[in-house]
PDB file of all heavy atoms in Angstrom:
ATOM      1  N   SER A   1      13.164  21.527  -0.953  1.00  0.00           N
ATOM      2  CA  SER A   1      13.274  20.419  -0.005  1.00  0.00           C
ATOM      3  C   SER A   1      12.133  20.268   0.982  1.00  0.00           C
ATOM      4  O   SER A   1      12.074  19.297   1.709  1.00  0.00           O
ATOM      5  CB  SER A   1      14.591  20.514   0.779  1.00  0.00           C
ATOM      6  OG  SER A   1      14.532  21.546   1.743  1.00  0.00           O
ATOM      7  N   ALA A   2      11.188  21.192   1.014  1.00  0.00           N
ATOM      8  CA  ALA A   2      10.131  21.125   2.022  1.00  0.00           C
ATOM      9  C   ALA A   2       9.166  19.985   1.772  1.00  0.00           C
ATOM     10  O   ALA A   2       8.436  19.590   2.659  1.00  0.00           O
ATOM     11  CB  ALA A   2       9.363  22.443   2.060  1.00  0.00           C
ATOM     12  N   ARG A   3       9.126  19.448   0.569  1.00  0.00           N
ATOM     13  CA  ARG A   3       8.124  18.455   0.245  1.00  0.00           C
ATOM     14  C   ARG A   3       8.710  17.090  -0.061  1.00  0.00           C
ATOM     15  O   ARG A   3       8.042  16.247  -0.646  1.00  0.00           O
ATOM     16  CB  ARG A   3       7.293  18.933  -0.945  1.00  0.00           C
ATOM     17  CG  ARG A   3       6.516  20.200  -0.636  1.00  0.00           C
ATOM     18  CD  ARG A   3       5.719  20.634  -1.825  1.00  0.00           C
ATOM     19  NE  ARG A   3       5.094  21.925  -1.572  1.00  0.00           N
ATOM     20  CZ  ARG A   3       4.531  22.655  -2.496  1.00  0.00           C
ATOM     21  NH1 ARG A   3       4.518  22.241  -3.746  1.00  0.00           N
ATOM     22  NH2 ARG A   3       3.973  23.811  -2.211  1.00  0.00           N
ATOM     23  N   ALA A   4       9.948  16.850   0.285  1.00  0.00           N
ATOM     24  CA  ALA A   4      10.558  15.545   0.033  1.00  0.00           C
ATOM     25  C   ALA A   4      11.079  14.968   1.328  1.00  0.00           C
ATOM     26  O   ALA A   4      11.485  15.692   2.227  1.00  0.00           O
ATOM     27  CB  ALA A   4      11.683  15.672  -0.986  1.00  0.00           C
ATOM     28  N   ARG A   5      11.064  13.653   1.426  1.00  0.00           N
ATOM     29  CA  ARG A   5      11.635  13.005   2.605  1.00  0.00           C
ATOM     30  C   ARG A   5      12.335  11.741   2.173  1.00  0.00           C
ATOM     31  O   ARG A   5      11.984  11.129   1.170  1.00  0.00           O
ATOM     32  CB  ARG A   5      10.564  12.675   3.641  1.00  0.00           C
ATOM     33  CG  ARG A   5       9.524  11.701   3.189  1.00  0.00           C
ATOM     34  CD  ARG A   5       8.606  11.288   4.312  1.00  0.00           C
ATOM     35  NE  ARG A   5       9.293  10.473   5.286  1.00  0.00           N
ATOM     36  CZ  ARG A   5       8.699   9.986   6.372  1.00  0.00           C
ATOM     37  NH1 ARG A   5       7.450  10.249   6.608  1.00  0.00           N
ATOM     38  NH2 ARG A   5       9.366   9.234   7.219  1.00  0.00           N
ATOM     39  N   ALA A   6      13.336  11.362   2.929  1.00  0.00           N
ATOM     40  CA  ALA A   6      14.082  10.152   2.605  1.00  0.00           C
ATOM     41  C   ALA A   6      13.390   8.939   3.199  1.00  0.00           C
ATOM     42  O   ALA A   6      12.730   9.025   4.233  1.00  0.00           O
ATOM     43  CB  ALA A   6      15.501  10.257   3.158  1.00  0.00           C
ATOM     44  N   LEU A   7      13.555   7.794   2.547  1.00  0.00           N
ATOM     45  CA  LEU A   7      13.077   6.531   3.083  1.00  0.00           C
ATOM     46  C   LEU A   7      14.274   5.760   3.605  1.00  0.00           C
ATOM     47  O   LEU A   7      15.273   5.612   2.914  1.00  0.00           O
ATOM     48  CB  LEU A   7      12.388   5.700   2.000  1.00  0.00           C
ATOM     49  CG  LEU A   7      11.123   6.283   1.391  1.00  0.00           C
ATOM     50  CD1 LEU A   7      10.552   5.286   0.397  1.00  0.00           C
ATOM     51  CD2 LEU A   7      10.107   6.603   2.454  1.00  0.00           C
ATOM     52  N   ASN A   8      14.172   5.273   4.809  1.00  0.00           N
ATOM     53  CA  ASN A   8      15.253   4.488   5.394  1.00  0.00           C
ATOM     54  C   ASN A   8      15.005   3.025   5.083  1.00  0.00           C
ATOM     55  O   ASN A   8      14.174   2.379   5.696  1.00  0.00           O
ATOM     56  CB  ASN A   8      15.289   4.721   6.908  1.00  0.00           C
ATOM     57  CG  ASN A   8      16.465   4.013   7.572  1.00  0.00           C
ATOM     58  OD1 ASN A   8      17.134   3.195   6.943  1.00  0.00           O
ATOM     59  ND2 ASN A   8      16.703   4.338   8.819  1.00  0.00           N
ATOM     60  N   LEU A   9      15.745   2.492   4.126  1.00  0.00           N
ATOM     61  CA  LEU A   9      15.515   1.125   3.677  1.00  0.00           C
ATOM     62  C   LEU A   9      16.412   0.118   4.387  1.00  0.00           C
ATOM     63  O   LEU A   9      16.267  -1.077   4.209  1.00  0.00           O
ATOM     64  CB  LEU A   9      15.753   1.013   2.173  1.00  0.00           C
ATOM     65  CG  LEU A   9      14.822   1.855   1.299  1.00  0.00           C
ATOM     66  CD1 LEU A   9      15.172   1.649  -0.162  1.00  0.00           C
ATOM     67  CD2 LEU A   9      13.381   1.500   1.530  1.00  0.00           C
ATOM     68  N   THR A  10      17.338   0.608   5.182  1.00  0.00           N
ATOM     69  CA  THR A  10      18.312  -0.316   5.765  1.00  0.00           C
ATOM     70  C   THR A  10      18.178  -0.476   7.275  1.00  0.00           C
ATOM     71  O   THR A  10      18.606  -1.477   7.822  1.00  0.00           O
ATOM     72  CB  THR A  10      19.736   0.164   5.457  1.00  0.00           C
ATOM     73  OG1 THR A  10      19.896   1.505   5.958  1.00  0.00           O
ATOM     74  CG2 THR A  10      19.982   0.161   3.961  1.00  0.00           C
ATOM     75  N   SER A  11      17.574   0.501   7.946  1.00  0.00           N
ATOM     76  CA  SER A  11      17.562   0.415   9.408  1.00  0.00           C
ATOM     77  C   SER A  11      16.166   0.550   9.992  1.00  0.00           C
ATOM     78  O   SER A  11      15.999   0.995  11.109  1.00  0.00           O
ATOM     79  CB  SER A  11      18.463   1.514   9.991  1.00  0.00           C
ATOM     80  OG  SER A  11      17.979   2.785   9.613  1.00  0.00           O
ATOM     81  N   ARG A  12      15.140   0.192   9.233  1.00  0.00           N
ATOM     82  CA  ARG A  12      13.783   0.318   9.750  1.00  0.00           C
ATOM     83  C   ARG A  12      13.539  -0.669  10.891  1.00  0.00           C
ATOM     84  O   ARG A  12      14.134  -1.741  10.935  1.00  0.00           O
ATOM     85  CB  ARG A  12      12.761   0.057   8.631  1.00  0.00           C
ATOM     86  CG  ARG A  12      12.769  -1.353   8.100  1.00  0.00           C
ATOM     87  CD  ARG A  12      11.653  -1.527   7.059  1.00  0.00           C
ATOM     88  NE  ARG A  12      11.586  -2.905   6.608  1.00  0.00           N
ATOM     89  CZ  ARG A  12      12.240  -3.373   5.569  1.00  0.00           C
ATOM     90  NH1 ARG A  12      13.028  -2.586   4.879  1.00  0.00           N
ATOM     91  NH2 ARG A  12      12.116  -4.639   5.209  1.00  0.00           N
ATOM     92  N   LYS A  13      12.630  -0.300  11.778  1.00  0.00           N
ATOM     93  CA  LYS A  13      12.246  -1.213  12.841  1.00  0.00           C
ATOM     94  C   LYS A  13      11.470  -2.376  12.236  1.00  0.00           C
ATOM     95  O   LYS A  13      10.682  -2.209  11.333  1.00  0.00           O
ATOM     96  CB  LYS A  13      11.377  -0.481  13.866  1.00  0.00           C
ATOM     97  CG  LYS A  13      12.135   0.586  14.638  1.00  0.00           C
ATOM     98  CD  LYS A  13      11.235   1.238  15.658  1.00  0.00           C
ATOM     99  CE  LYS A  13      11.989   2.300  16.452  1.00  0.00           C
ATOM    100  NZ  LYS A  13      11.128   2.955  17.439  1.00  0.00           N
ATOM    101  N   ARG A  14      11.703  -3.545  12.750  1.00  0.00           N
ATOM    102  CA  ARG A  14      11.038  -4.727  12.215  1.00  0.00           C
ATOM    103  C   ARG A  14       9.546  -4.669  12.519  1.00  0.00           C
ATOM    104  O   ARG A  14       9.130  -4.422  13.643  1.00  0.00           O
ATOM    105  CB  ARG A  14      11.646  -5.993  12.827  1.00  0.00           C
ATOM    106  CG  ARG A  14      11.107  -7.268  12.184  1.00  0.00           C
ATOM    107  CD  ARG A  14      11.851  -8.476  12.707  1.00  0.00           C
ATOM    108  NE  ARG A  14      11.378  -9.686  12.080  1.00  0.00           N
ATOM    109  CZ  ARG A  14      11.760 -10.121  10.895  1.00  0.00           C
ATOM    110  NH1 ARG A  14      12.628  -9.401  10.211  1.00  0.00           N
ATOM    111  NH2 ARG A  14      11.298 -11.230  10.380  1.00  0.00           N
ATOM    112  N   ALA A  15       8.737  -4.889  11.497  1.00  0.00           N
ATOM    113  CA  ALA A  15       7.285  -4.867  11.670  1.00  0.00           C
ATOM    114  C   ALA A  15       6.844  -6.098  12.448  1.00  0.00           C
ATOM    115  O   ALA A  15       7.531  -7.114  12.463  1.00  0.00           O
ATOM    116  CB  ALA A  15       6.604  -4.844  10.306  1.00  0.00           C
ATOM    117  N   PRO A  16       5.684  -6.027  13.095  1.00  0.00           N
ATOM    118  CA  PRO A  16       5.145  -7.222  13.738  1.00  0.00           C
ATOM    119  C   PRO A  16       5.054  -8.350  12.729  1.00  0.00           C
ATOM    120  O   PRO A  16       4.726  -8.129  11.563  1.00  0.00           O
ATOM    121  CB  PRO A  16       3.749  -6.768  14.197  1.00  0.00           C
ATOM    122  CG  PRO A  16       3.865  -5.290  14.330  1.00  0.00           C
ATOM    123  CD  PRO A  16       4.827  -4.860  13.257  1.00  0.00           C
ATOM    124  N   PRO A  17       5.340  -9.588  13.140  1.00  0.00           N
ATOM    125  CA  PRO A  17       5.457 -10.700  12.184  1.00  0.00           C
ATOM    126  C   PRO A  17       4.300 -10.847  11.219  1.00  0.00           C
ATOM    127  O   PRO A  17       4.506 -10.991  10.025  1.00  0.00           O
ATOM    128  CB  PRO A  17       5.578 -11.919  13.103  1.00  0.00           C
ATOM    129  CG  PRO A  17       6.203 -11.384  14.351  1.00  0.00           C
ATOM    130  CD  PRO A  17       5.653  -9.996  14.515  1.00  0.00           C
ATOM    131  N   LYS A  18       3.041 -10.792  11.701  1.00  0.00           N
ATOM    132  CA  LYS A  18       1.911 -11.013  10.802  1.00  0.00           C
ATOM    133  C   LYS A  18       1.814  -9.903   9.765  1.00  0.00           C
ATOM    134  O   LYS A  18       1.622 -10.143   8.582  1.00  0.00           O
ATOM    135  CB  LYS A  18       0.599 -11.115  11.600  1.00  0.00           C
ATOM    136  CG  LYS A  18       0.432 -12.433  12.327  1.00  0.00           C
ATOM    137  CD  LYS A  18      -0.940 -12.517  12.968  1.00  0.00           C
ATOM    138  CE  LYS A  18      -1.140 -13.866  13.663  1.00  0.00           C
ATOM    139  NZ  LYS A  18      -2.478 -13.957  14.282  1.00  0.00           N
ATOM    140  N   GLU A  19       1.943  -8.658  10.222  1.00  0.00           N
ATOM    141  CA  GLU A  19       1.859  -7.542   9.290  1.00  0.00           C
ATOM    142  C   GLU A  19       3.019  -7.597   8.306  1.00  0.00           C
ATOM    143  O   GLU A  19       2.855  -7.341   7.111  1.00  0.00           O
ATOM    144  CB  GLU A  19       1.874  -6.221  10.056  1.00  0.00           C
ATOM    145  CG  GLU A  19       1.795  -5.009   9.144  1.00  0.00           C
ATOM    146  CD  GLU A  19       1.722  -3.719   9.923  1.00  0.00           C
ATOM    147  OE1 GLU A  19       1.480  -3.771  11.138  1.00  0.00           O
ATOM    148  OE2 GLU A  19       1.910  -2.656   9.299  1.00  0.00           O
ATOM    149  N   HIS A  20       4.194  -7.935   8.809  1.00  0.00           N
ATOM    150  CA  HIS A  20       5.383  -8.014   7.955  1.00  0.00           C
ATOM    151  C   HIS A  20       5.184  -9.059   6.871  1.00  0.00           C
ATOM    152  O   HIS A  20       5.416  -8.804   5.685  1.00  0.00           O
ATOM    153  CB  HIS A  20       6.591  -8.361   8.832  1.00  0.00           C
ATOM    154  CG  HIS A  20       7.888  -8.414   8.098  1.00  0.00           C
ATOM    155  ND1 HIS A  20       8.558  -7.280   7.688  1.00  0.00           N
ATOM    156  CD2 HIS A  20       8.647  -9.463   7.691  1.00  0.00           C
ATOM    157  CE1 HIS A  20       9.671  -7.624   7.071  1.00  0.00           C
ATOM    158  NE2 HIS A  20       9.753  -8.942   7.063  1.00  0.00           N
ATOM    159  N   ARG A  21       4.715 -10.244   7.271  1.00  0.00           N
ATOM    160  CA  ARG A  21       4.554 -11.325   6.295  1.00  0.00           C
ATOM    161  C   ARG A  21       3.457 -11.010   5.294  1.00  0.00           C
ATOM    162  O   ARG A  21       3.610 -11.234   4.092  1.00  0.00           O
ATOM    163  CB  ARG A  21       4.231 -12.640   7.024  1.00  0.00           C
ATOM    164  CG  ARG A  21       5.414 -13.237   7.776  1.00  0.00           C
ATOM    165  CD  ARG A  21       5.133 -14.703   8.109  1.00  0.00           C
ATOM    166  NE  ARG A  21       3.938 -14.871   8.914  1.00  0.00           N
ATOM    167  CZ  ARG A  21       3.922 -14.885  10.235  1.00  0.00           C
ATOM    168  NH1 ARG A  21       5.047 -14.714  10.909  1.00  0.00           N
ATOM    169  NH2 ARG A  21       2.796 -15.069  10.891  1.00  0.00           N
ATOM    170  N   SER A  22       2.314 -10.483   5.780  1.00  0.00           N
ATOM    171  CA  SER A  22       1.212 -10.223   4.866  1.00  0.00           C
ATOM    172  C   SER A  22       1.544  -9.069   3.935  1.00  0.00           C
ATOM    173  O   SER A  22       1.168  -9.080   2.755  1.00  0.00           O
ATOM    174  CB  SER A  22      -0.080  -9.950   5.636  1.00  0.00           C
ATOM    175  OG  SER A  22       0.086  -8.881   6.542  1.00  0.00           O
ATOM    176  N   GLY A  23       2.253  -8.060   4.441  1.00  0.00           N
ATOM    177  CA  GLY A  23       2.666  -6.962   3.588  1.00  0.00           C
ATOM    178  C   GLY A  23       3.617  -7.416   2.503  1.00  0.00           C
ATOM    179  O   GLY A  23       3.481  -7.037   1.335  1.00  0.00           O
ATOM    180  N   GLN A  24       4.576  -8.262   2.869  1.00  0.00           N
ATOM    181  CA  GLN A  24       5.513  -8.779   1.873  1.00  0.00           C
ATOM    182  C   GLN A  24       4.798  -9.655   0.840  1.00  0.00           C
ATOM    183  O   GLN A  24       5.094  -9.595  -0.353  1.00  0.00           O
ATOM    184  CB  GLN A  24       6.612  -9.584   2.563  1.00  0.00           C
ATOM    185  CG  GLN A  24       7.661  -8.717   3.232  1.00  0.00           C
ATOM    186  CD  GLN A  24       8.859  -9.532   3.673  1.00  0.00           C
ATOM    187  OE1 GLN A  24       8.716 -10.658   4.125  1.00  0.00           O
ATOM    188  NE2 GLN A  24      10.034  -8.952   3.538  1.00  0.00           N
ATOM    189  N   ARG A  25       3.852 -10.451   1.303  1.00  0.00           N
ATOM    190  CA  ARG A  25       3.118 -11.321   0.383  1.00  0.00           C
ATOM    191  C   ARG A  25       2.307 -10.485  -0.607  1.00  0.00           C
ATOM    192  O   ARG A  25       2.258 -10.788  -1.808  1.00  0.00           O
ATOM    193  CB  ARG A  25       2.203 -12.255   1.172  1.00  0.00           C
ATOM    194  CG  ARG A  25       1.395 -13.209   0.287  1.00  0.00           C
ATOM    195  CD  ARG A  25       0.674 -14.251   1.124  1.00  0.00           C
ATOM    196  NE  ARG A  25      -0.106 -15.141   0.277  1.00  0.00           N
ATOM    197  CZ  ARG A  25      -1.403 -14.986   0.001  1.00  0.00           C
ATOM    198  NH1 ARG A  25      -2.056 -13.949   0.526  1.00  0.00           N
ATOM    199  NH2 ARG A  25      -2.029 -15.829  -0.769  1.00  0.00           N
ATOM    200  N   LEU A  26       1.651  -9.437  -0.114  1.00  0.00           N
ATOM    201  CA  LEU A  26       0.893  -8.562  -0.989  1.00  0.00           C
ATOM    202  C   LEU A  26       1.794  -7.960  -2.063  1.00  0.00           C
ATOM    203  O   LEU A  26       1.442  -7.903  -3.239  1.00  0.00           O
ATOM    204  CB  LEU A  26       0.243  -7.443  -0.170  1.00  0.00           C
ATOM    205  CG  LEU A  26      -0.586  -6.421  -0.943  1.00  0.00           C
ATOM    206  CD1 LEU A  26      -1.846  -7.055  -1.511  1.00  0.00           C
ATOM    207  CD2 LEU A  26      -0.940  -5.243  -0.042  1.00  0.00           C
ATOM    208  N   VAL A  27       2.982  -7.537  -1.664  1.00  0.00           N
ATOM    209  CA  VAL A  27       3.913  -6.914  -2.604  1.00  0.00           C
ATOM    210  C   VAL A  27       4.442  -7.926  -3.611  1.00  0.00           C
ATOM    211  O   VAL A  27       4.388  -7.718  -4.827  1.00  0.00           O
ATOM    212  CB  VAL A  27       5.073  -6.251  -1.838  1.00  0.00           C
ATOM    213  CG1 VAL A  27       6.196  -5.865  -2.799  1.00  0.00           C
ATOM    214  CG2 VAL A  27       4.578  -5.020  -1.087  1.00  0.00           C
ATOM    215  N   VAL A  28       4.945  -9.054  -3.114  1.00  0.00           N
ATOM    216  CA  VAL A  28       5.634 -10.010  -3.982  1.00  0.00           C
ATOM    217  C   VAL A  28       4.668 -10.743  -4.897  1.00  0.00           C
ATOM    218  O   VAL A  28       4.953 -10.960  -6.081  1.00  0.00           O
ATOM    219  CB  VAL A  28       6.440 -11.014  -3.132  1.00  0.00           C
ATOM    220  CG1 VAL A  28       7.020 -12.123  -4.001  1.00  0.00           C
ATOM    221  CG2 VAL A  28       7.562 -10.285  -2.397  1.00  0.00           C
ATOM    222  N   GLN A  29       3.515 -11.129  -4.373  1.00  0.00           N
ATOM    223  CA  GLN A  29       2.592 -11.944  -5.153  1.00  0.00           C
ATOM    224  C   GLN A  29       1.583 -11.132  -5.957  1.00  0.00           C
ATOM    225  O   GLN A  29       0.969 -11.676  -6.883  1.00  0.00           O
ATOM    226  CB  GLN A  29       1.847 -12.917  -4.235  1.00  0.00           C
ATOM    227  CG  GLN A  29       2.749 -13.937  -3.578  1.00  0.00           C
ATOM    228  CD  GLN A  29       1.976 -15.021  -2.862  1.00  0.00           C
ATOM    229  OE1 GLN A  29       0.757 -15.095  -2.951  1.00  0.00           O
ATOM    230  NE2 GLN A  29       2.672 -15.873  -2.144  1.00  0.00           N
ATOM    231  N   TYR A  30       1.441  -9.859  -5.648  1.00  0.00           N
ATOM    232  CA  TYR A  30       0.395  -9.098  -6.331  1.00  0.00           C
ATOM    233  C   TYR A  30       0.891  -7.765  -6.897  1.00  0.00           C
ATOM    234  O   TYR A  30       0.855  -7.539  -8.111  1.00  0.00           O
ATOM    235  CB  TYR A  30      -0.776  -8.863  -5.374  1.00  0.00           C
ATOM    236  CG  TYR A  30      -1.892  -8.051  -5.981  1.00  0.00           C
ATOM    237  CD1 TYR A  30      -2.639  -8.543  -7.052  1.00  0.00           C
ATOM    238  CD2 TYR A  30      -2.196  -6.779  -5.503  1.00  0.00           C
ATOM    239  CE1 TYR A  30      -3.652  -7.798  -7.627  1.00  0.00           C
ATOM    240  CE2 TYR A  30      -3.212  -6.021  -6.070  1.00  0.00           C
ATOM    241  CZ  TYR A  30      -3.936  -6.536  -7.129  1.00  0.00           C
ATOM    242  OH  TYR A  30      -4.940  -5.789  -7.696  1.00  0.00           O
ATOM    243  N   ILE A  31       1.402  -6.869  -6.047  1.00  0.00           N
ATOM    244  CA  ILE A  31       1.740  -5.519  -6.507  1.00  0.00           C
ATOM    245  C   ILE A  31       2.866  -5.540  -7.533  1.00  0.00           C
ATOM    246  O   ILE A  31       2.745  -4.947  -8.616  1.00  0.00           O
ATOM    247  CB  ILE A  31       2.096  -4.608  -5.319  1.00  0.00           C
ATOM    248  CG1 ILE A  31       0.867  -4.398  -4.433  1.00  0.00           C
ATOM    249  CG2 ILE A  31       2.631  -3.270  -5.821  1.00  0.00           C
ATOM    250  CD1 ILE A  31       1.133  -3.606  -3.155  1.00  0.00           C
ATOM    251  N   VAL A  32       3.975  -6.213  -7.223  1.00  0.00           N
ATOM    252  CA  VAL A  32       5.110  -6.228  -8.147  1.00  0.00           C
ATOM    253  C   VAL A  32       4.744  -6.852  -9.493  1.00  0.00           C
ATOM    254  O   VAL A  32       5.023  -6.268 -10.551  1.00  0.00           O
ATOM    255  CB  VAL A  32       6.327  -6.934  -7.512  1.00  0.00           C
ATOM    256  CG1 VAL A  32       7.400  -7.220  -8.552  1.00  0.00           C
ATOM    257  CG2 VAL A  32       6.899  -6.074  -6.384  1.00  0.00           C
TER     258      VAL A  32
END
């Protein structure tokens, strides 16, 4: 267990709007 960590997908703090939008766009339109 020393090298694993959980990701909190439900209660993360909301990212600043510009970073949030650009990050989502990068994921949805390119990475995925």
